[in-house]
Each structure stands twice: as structure tokens, then as C-alpha cells.
């Protein structure tokens, strides 16, 4: 049985390992809420807020209601 692996490329402006991790999580899970990110990545909400704010300012992440998604 052959398995297909989808490759996800990271934006070149991402330097922080934590930001890369959050971005990859959002792309591979088709978005997530803050609580899903917290439990899925074992990160504190305060850290996630900061990372998501930075990603949003750079146009890499969009928020709709309680859901965060990677920009296409």
C-alpha cells in the first residue's frame, strides 16, 4: 500500500520555531481554535496569543470567530 504525503512549505519570513510549529499545525489541521492549539501543541495560551498576533500582522493567519486558519 502506497501512502501519499502532502508537503507543506513554510513562509520564509518565519524565524521562530514556535511560530513555525503553530503555522504547520494550522495548515495540517485545516485550522484550529485557541483551545485546540493549546492542547495539540502543549503550549500556553499566553504564548499562542502572541504568536497568532504576529502571524496575523504578517498576513499568514486569519481569524474567523474562534477559528484560526493559515492564509492561502
PDB file of N, CA and C in Angstrom:
ATOM      1  N   UNK A   1       0.846  -1.177   0.000  1.00  0.00           N
ATOM      2  CA  UNK A   1       0.000   0.000   0.000  1.00  0.00           C
ATOM      3  C   UNK A   1       0.888   1.236   0.000  1.00  0.00           C
ATOM      4  N   UNK A   2       0.616   2.125  -0.943  1.00  0.00           N
ATOM      5  CA  UNK A   2       1.408   3.343  -1.055  1.00  0.00           C
ATOM      6  C   UNK A   2       0.676   4.498  -0.384  1.00  0.00           C
ATOM      7  N   UNK A   3       1.399   5.280   0.374  1.00  0.00           N
ATOM      8  CA  UNK A   3       0.826   6.400   1.103  1.00  0.00           C
ATOM      9  C   UNK A   3       1.314   7.706   0.493  1.00  0.00           C
ATOM     10  N   UNK A   4       0.389   8.648   0.318  1.00  0.00           N
ATOM     11  CA  UNK A   4       0.738   9.950  -0.225  1.00  0.00           C
ATOM     12  C   UNK A   4       0.986  10.917   0.919  1.00  0.00           C
ATOM     13  N   UNK A   5       2.090  11.635   0.839  1.00  0.00           N
ATOM     14  CA  UNK A   5       2.448  12.608   1.864  1.00  0.00           C
ATOM     15  C   UNK A   5       2.354  13.999   1.241  1.00  0.00           C
ATOM     16  N   UNK A   6       1.586  14.866   1.864  1.00  0.00           N
ATOM     17  CA  UNK A   6       1.456  16.233   1.388  1.00  0.00           C
ATOM     18  C   UNK A   6       2.577  17.070   1.986  1.00  0.00           C
ATOM     19  N   UNK A   7       3.286  17.786   1.126  1.00  0.00           N
ATOM     20  CA  UNK A   7       4.364  18.636   1.608  1.00  0.00           C
ATOM     21  C   UNK A   7       3.835  20.048   1.816  1.00  0.00           C
ATOM     22  N   UNK A   8       4.179  20.619   2.949  1.00  0.00           N
ATOM     23  CA  UNK A   8       3.791  21.984   3.283  1.00  0.00           C
ATOM     24  C   UNK A   8       5.056  22.816   3.401  1.00  0.00           C
ATOM     25  N   UNK A   9       5.094  23.903   2.649  1.00  0.00           N
ATOM     26  CA  UNK A   9       6.273  24.766   2.737  1.00  0.00           C
ATOM     27  C   UNK A   9       5.998  25.901   3.718  1.00  0.00           C
ATOM     28  N   UNK A  10       7.021  26.272   4.420  1.00  0.00           N
ATOM     29  CA  UNK A  10       6.914  27.349   5.400  1.00  0.00           C
ATOM     30  C   UNK A  10       7.251  28.682   4.751  1.00  0.00           C
ATOM     31  N   UNK A  11       6.531  29.723   5.113  1.00  0.00           N
ATOM     32  CA  UNK A  11       6.906  31.054   4.633  1.00  0.00           C
ATOM     33  C   UNK A  11       8.325  31.390   5.097  1.00  0.00           C
ATOM     34  N   UNK A  12       9.090  32.010   4.226  1.00  0.00           N
ATOM     35  CA  UNK A  12      10.497  32.301   4.541  1.00  0.00           C
ATOM     36  C   UNK A  12      10.658  33.308   5.676  1.00  0.00           C
ATOM     37  N   UNK A  13       9.621  34.133   5.934  1.00  0.00           N
ATOM     38  CA  UNK A  13       9.742  35.137   6.993  1.00  0.00           C
ATOM     39  C   UNK A  13       9.538  34.568   8.398  1.00  0.00           C
ATOM     40  N   UNK A  14       9.230  33.294   8.507  1.00  0.00           N
ATOM     41  CA  UNK A  14       9.066  32.679   9.826  1.00  0.00           C
ATOM     42  C   UNK A  14      10.427  32.247  10.356  1.00  0.00           C
ATOM     43  N   UNK A  15      10.868  32.859  11.438  1.00  0.00           N
ATOM     44  CA  UNK A  15      12.159  32.524  12.045  1.00  0.00           C
ATOM     45  C   UNK A  15      11.997  31.755  13.348  1.00  0.00           C
ATOM     46  N   UNK A  16      10.946  32.039  14.070  1.00  0.00           N
ATOM     47  CA  UNK A  16      10.727  31.436  15.376  1.00  0.00           C
ATOM     48  C   UNK A  16      10.254  29.980  15.233  1.00  0.00           C
ATOM     49  N   UNK A  17      10.913  29.051  15.933  1.00  0.00           N
ATOM     50  CA  UNK A  17      10.455  27.661  15.900  1.00  0.00           C
ATOM     51  C   UNK A  17       8.998  27.515  16.367  1.00  0.00           C
ATOM     52  N   UNK A  18       8.594  28.290  17.358  1.00  0.00           N
ATOM     53  CA  UNK A  18       7.217  28.207  17.862  1.00  0.00           C
ATOM     54  C   UNK A  18       6.226  28.700  16.814  1.00  0.00           C
ATOM     55  N   UNK A  19       6.565  29.776  16.114  1.00  0.00           N
ATOM     56  CA  UNK A  19       5.693  30.296  15.054  1.00  0.00           C
ATOM     57  C   UNK A  19       5.577  29.287  13.916  1.00  0.00           C
ATOM     58  N   UNK A  20       6.686  28.640  13.573  1.00  0.00           N
ATOM     59  CA  UNK A  20       6.665  27.608  12.537  1.00  0.00           C
ATOM     60  C   UNK A  20       5.760  26.454  12.956  1.00  0.00           C
ATOM     61  N   UNK A  21       5.860  26.060  14.209  1.00  0.00           N
ATOM     62  CA  UNK A  21       5.051  24.968  14.727  1.00  0.00           C
ATOM     63  C   UNK A  21       3.560  25.298  14.664  1.00  0.00           C
ATOM     64  N   UNK A  22       3.193  26.502  15.087  1.00  0.00           N
ATOM     65  CA  UNK A  22       1.790  26.931  15.050  1.00  0.00           C
ATOM     66  C   UNK A  22       1.304  26.978  13.608  1.00  0.00           C
ATOM     67  N   UNK A  23       2.099  27.550  12.727  1.00  0.00           N
ATOM     68  CA  UNK A  23       1.711  27.645  11.320  1.00  0.00           C
ATOM     69  C   UNK A  23       1.514  26.252  10.707  1.00  0.00           C
ATOM     70  N   UNK A  24       2.442  25.351  10.956  1.00  0.00           N
ATOM     71  CA  UNK A  24       2.316  23.985  10.436  1.00  0.00           C
ATOM     72  C   UNK A  24       1.092  23.276  10.993  1.00  0.00           C
ATOM     73  N   UNK A  25       0.830  23.477  12.268  1.00  0.00           N
ATOM     74  CA  UNK A  25      -0.346  22.865  12.883  1.00  0.00           C
ATOM     75  C   UNK A  25      -1.614  23.352  12.180  1.00  0.00           C
ATOM     76  N   UNK A  26      -1.701  24.655  11.944  1.00  0.00           N
ATOM     77  CA  UNK A  26      -2.889  25.206  11.290  1.00  0.00           C
ATOM     78  C   UNK A  26      -3.036  24.706   9.857  1.00  0.00           C
ATOM     79  N   UNK A  27      -1.942  24.551   9.146  1.00  0.00           N
ATOM     80  CA  UNK A  27      -2.034  24.073   7.764  1.00  0.00           C
ATOM     81  C   UNK A  27      -2.375  22.591   7.697  1.00  0.00           C
ATOM     82  N   UNK A  28      -1.869  21.805   8.609  1.00  0.00           N
ATOM     83  CA  UNK A  28      -2.124  20.361   8.568  1.00  0.00           C
ATOM     84  C   UNK A  28      -3.454  19.961   9.198  1.00  0.00           C
ATOM     85  N   UNK A  29      -4.034  20.840  10.001  1.00  0.00           N
ATOM     86  CA  UNK A  29      -5.317  20.528  10.639  1.00  0.00           C
ATOM     87  C   UNK A  29      -6.469  21.351  10.063  1.00  0.00           C
ATOM     88  N   UNK A  30      -6.184  22.062   8.977  1.00  0.00           N
ATOM     89  CA  UNK A  30      -7.203  22.894   8.332  1.00  0.00           C
ATOM     90  C   UNK A  30      -7.807  23.897   9.305  1.00  0.00           C
ATOM     91  N   UNK A  31      -6.947  24.502  10.106  1.00  0.00           N
ATOM     92  CA  UNK A  31      -7.386  25.484  11.089  1.00  0.00           C
ATOM     93  C   UNK A  31      -7.588  24.871  12.461  1.00  0.00           C
ATOM     94  N   UNK A  32      -7.713  25.729  13.461  1.00  0.00           N
ATOM     95  CA  UNK A  32      -7.909  25.264  14.836  1.00  0.00           C
ATOM     96  C   UNK A  32      -8.322  26.432  15.717  1.00  0.00           C
ATOM     97  N   UNK A  33      -8.961  26.095  16.813  1.00  0.00           N
ATOM     98  CA  UNK A  33      -9.296  27.109  17.818  1.00  0.00           C
ATOM     99  C   UNK A  33      -8.098  27.261  18.752  1.00  0.00           C
ATOM    100  N   UNK A  34      -8.142  28.283  19.578  1.00  0.00           N
ATOM    101  CA  UNK A  34      -7.067  28.508  20.541  1.00  0.00           C
ATOM    102  C   UNK A  34      -6.928  27.300  21.478  1.00  0.00           C
ATOM    103  N   UNK A  35      -8.046  26.756  21.923  1.00  0.00           N
ATOM    104  CA  UNK A  35      -8.010  25.589  22.814  1.00  0.00           C
ATOM    105  C   UNK A  35      -7.411  24.366  22.118  1.00  0.00           C
ATOM    106  N   UNK A  36      -7.738  24.197  20.837  1.00  0.00           N
ATOM    107  CA  UNK A  36      -7.174  23.065  20.083  1.00  0.00           C
ATOM    108  C   UNK A  36      -5.669  23.229  19.911  1.00  0.00           C
ATOM    109  N   UNK A  37      -5.232  24.464  19.647  1.00  0.00           N
ATOM    110  CA  UNK A  37      -3.796  24.718  19.552  1.00  0.00           C
ATOM    111  C   UNK A  37      -3.109  24.458  20.890  1.00  0.00           C
ATOM    112  N   UNK A  38      -3.727  24.910  21.960  1.00  0.00           N
ATOM    113  CA  UNK A  38      -3.161  24.739  23.300  1.00  0.00           C
ATOM    114  C   UNK A  38      -2.959  23.259  23.626  1.00  0.00           C
ATOM    115  N   UNK A  39      -3.973  22.454  23.391  1.00  0.00           N
ATOM    116  CA  UNK A  39      -3.857  21.034  23.719  1.00  0.00           C
ATOM    117  C   UNK A  39      -3.027  20.265  22.692  1.00  0.00           C
ATOM    118  N   UNK A  40      -3.165  20.621  21.422  1.00  0.00           N
ATOM    119  CA  UNK A  40      -2.446  19.908  20.372  1.00  0.00           C
ATOM    120  C   UNK A  40      -0.954  20.160  20.368  1.00  0.00           C
ATOM    121  N   UNK A  41      -0.558  21.350  20.799  1.00  0.00           N
ATOM    122  CA  UNK A  41       0.861  21.709  20.791  1.00  0.00           C
ATOM    123  C   UNK A  41       1.473  21.776  22.186  1.00  0.00           C
ATOM    124  N   UNK A  42       0.662  21.586  23.201  1.00  0.00           N
ATOM    125  CA  UNK A  42       1.120  21.673  24.592  1.00  0.00           C
ATOM    126  C   UNK A  42       1.805  23.019  24.862  1.00  0.00           C
ATOM    127  N   UNK A  43       1.146  24.079  24.403  1.00  0.00           N
ATOM    128  CA  UNK A  43       1.661  25.436  24.606  1.00  0.00           C
ATOM    129  C   UNK A  43       0.664  26.225  25.440  1.00  0.00           C
ATOM    130  N   UNK A  44       1.151  27.208  26.153  1.00  0.00           N
ATOM    131  CA  UNK A  44       0.282  28.061  26.967  1.00  0.00           C
ATOM    132  C   UNK A  44      -0.428  29.082  26.077  1.00  0.00           C
ATOM    133  N   UNK A  45      -1.660  29.426  26.484  1.00  0.00           N
ATOM    134  CA  UNK A  45      -2.462  30.371  25.706  1.00  0.00           C
ATOM    135  C   UNK A  45      -1.768  31.719  25.547  1.00  0.00           C
ATOM    136  N   UNK A  46      -1.091  32.180  26.567  1.00  0.00           N
ATOM    137  CA  UNK A  46      -0.425  33.479  26.500  1.00  0.00           C
ATOM    138  C   UNK A  46       0.625  33.487  25.392  1.00  0.00           C
ATOM    139  N   UNK A  47       1.337  32.396  25.226  1.00  0.00           N
ATOM    140  CA  UNK A  47       2.317  32.288  24.142  1.00  0.00           C
ATOM    141  C   UNK A  47       1.630  32.228  22.788  1.00  0.00           C
ATOM    142  N   UNK A  48       0.547  31.468  22.722  1.00  0.00           N
ATOM    143  CA  UNK A  48      -0.188  31.337  21.473  1.00  0.00           C
ATOM    144  C   UNK A  48      -0.778  32.665  21.019  1.00  0.00           C
ATOM    145  N   UNK A  49      -1.305  33.456  21.963  1.00  0.00           N
ATOM    146  CA  UNK A  49      -1.850  34.773  21.616  1.00  0.00           C
ATOM    147  C   UNK A  49      -0.784  35.625  20.935  1.00  0.00           C
ATOM    148  N   UNK A  50       0.398  35.649  21.487  1.00  0.00           N
ATOM    149  CA  UNK A  50       1.490  36.445  20.936  1.00  0.00           C
ATOM    150  C   UNK A  50       1.879  35.963  19.535  1.00  0.00           C
ATOM    151  N   UNK A  51       2.017  34.669  19.380  1.00  0.00           N
ATOM    152  CA  UNK A  51       2.400  34.092  18.090  1.00  0.00           C
ATOM    153  C   UNK A  51       1.318  34.356  17.041  1.00  0.00           C
ATOM    154  N   UNK A  52       0.064  34.127  17.413  1.00  0.00           N
ATOM    155  CA  UNK A  52      -1.039  34.329  16.471  1.00  0.00           C
ATOM    156  C   UNK A  52      -1.178  35.797  16.070  1.00  0.00           C
ATOM    157  N   UNK A  53      -0.923  36.693  17.004  1.00  0.00           N
ATOM    158  CA  UNK A  53      -0.965  38.125  16.703  1.00  0.00           C
ATOM    159  C   UNK A  53       0.098  38.479  15.669  1.00  0.00           C
ATOM    160  N   UNK A  54       1.304  37.967  15.867  1.00  0.00           N
ATOM    161  CA  UNK A  54       2.389  38.222  14.920  1.00  0.00           C
ATOM    162  C   UNK A  54       2.085  37.619  13.556  1.00  0.00           C
ATOM    163  N   UNK A  55       1.603  36.388  13.532  1.00  0.00           N
ATOM    164  CA  UNK A  55       1.266  35.737  12.261  1.00  0.00           C
ATOM    165  C   UNK A  55       0.146  36.479  11.539  1.00  0.00           C
ATOM    166  N   UNK A  56      -0.804  36.983  12.299  1.00  0.00           N
ATOM    167  CA  UNK A  56      -1.905  37.753  11.713  1.00  0.00           C
ATOM    168  C   UNK A  56      -1.400  39.060  11.110  1.00  0.00           C
ATOM    169  N   UNK A  57      -0.526  39.766  11.829  1.00  0.00           N
ATOM    170  CA  UNK A  57       0.036  41.026  11.330  1.00  0.00           C
ATOM    171  C   UNK A  57       0.801  40.818  10.021  1.00  0.00           C
ATOM    172  N   UNK A  58       1.417  39.672   9.884  1.00  0.00           N
ATOM    173  CA  UNK A  58       2.184  39.363   8.674  1.00  0.00           C
ATOM    174  C   UNK A  58       1.303  38.812   7.554  1.00  0.00           C
ATOM    175  N   UNK A  59       0.025  38.643   7.834  1.00  0.00           N
ATOM    176  CA  UNK A  59      -0.905  38.138   6.821  1.00  0.00           C
ATOM    177  C   UNK A  59      -0.808  36.643   6.587  1.00  0.00           C
ATOM    178  N   UNK A  60      -0.240  35.921   7.550  1.00  0.00           N
ATOM    179  CA  UNK A  60      -0.057  34.474   7.405  1.00  0.00           C
ATOM    180  C   UNK A  60      -1.188  33.669   8.032  1.00  0.00           C
ATOM    181  N   UNK A  61      -1.939  34.300   8.933  1.00  0.00           N
ATOM    182  CA  UNK A  61      -3.034  33.629   9.636  1.00  0.00           C
ATOM    183  C   UNK A  61      -4.233  34.563   9.670  1.00  0.00           C
ATOM    184  N   UNK A  62      -5.407  33.983   9.482  1.00  0.00           N
ATOM    185  CA  UNK A  62      -6.656  34.730   9.570  1.00  0.00           C
ATOM    186  C   UNK A  62      -7.517  34.122  10.671  1.00  0.00           C
ATOM    187  N   UNK A  63      -8.266  34.975  11.345  1.00  0.00           N
ATOM    188  CA  UNK A  63      -9.169  34.507  12.391  1.00  0.00           C
ATOM    189  C   UNK A  63     -10.612  34.737  11.953  1.00  0.00           C
ATOM    190  N   UNK A  64     -11.410  33.692  12.063  1.00  0.00           N
ATOM    191  CA  UNK A  64     -12.852  33.776  11.817  1.00  0.00           C
ATOM    192  C   UNK A  64     -13.542  33.246  13.055  1.00  0.00           C
ATOM    193  N   UNK A  65     -14.226  34.141  13.761  1.00  0.00           N
ATOM    194  CA  UNK A  65     -14.853  33.775  15.028  1.00  0.00           C
ATOM    195  C   UNK A  65     -13.779  33.204  15.959  1.00  0.00           C
ATOM    196  N   UNK A  66     -13.931  31.976  16.379  1.00  0.00           N
ATOM    197  CA  UNK A  66     -12.982  31.341  17.315  1.00  0.00           C
ATOM    198  C   UNK A  66     -11.945  30.477  16.585  1.00  0.00           C
ATOM    199  N   UNK A  67     -11.982  30.465  15.276  1.00  0.00           N
ATOM    200  CA  UNK A  67     -11.143  29.585  14.467  1.00  0.00           C
ATOM    201  C   UNK A  67     -10.015  30.371  13.802  1.00  0.00           C
ATOM    202  N   UNK A  68      -8.811  29.832  13.875  1.00  0.00           N
ATOM    203  CA  UNK A  68      -7.648  30.400  13.189  1.00  0.00           C
ATOM    204  C   UNK A  68      -7.310  29.510  12.010  1.00  0.00           C
ATOM    205  N   UNK A  69      -6.973  30.136  10.883  1.00  0.00           N
ATOM    206  CA  UNK A  69      -6.591  29.378   9.689  1.00  0.00           C
ATOM    207  C   UNK A  69      -5.389  30.014   9.046  1.00  0.00           C
ATOM    208  N   UNK A  70      -4.560  29.172   8.447  1.00  0.00           N
ATOM    209  CA  UNK A  70      -3.417  29.680   7.702  1.00  0.00           C
ATOM    210  C   UNK A  70      -3.927  30.323   6.428  1.00  0.00           C
ATOM    211  N   UNK A  71      -3.335  31.453   6.059  1.00  0.00           N
ATOM    212  CA  UNK A  71      -3.721  32.144   4.821  1.00  0.00           C
ATOM    213  C   UNK A  71      -3.285  31.297   3.632  1.00  0.00           C
ATOM    214  N   UNK A  72      -4.059  31.339   2.607  1.00  0.00           N
ATOM    215  CA  UNK A  72      -3.756  30.557   1.401  1.00  0.00           C
ATOM    216  C   UNK A  72      -2.854  31.298   0.462  1.00  0.00           C
TER     217      UNK A  72
END
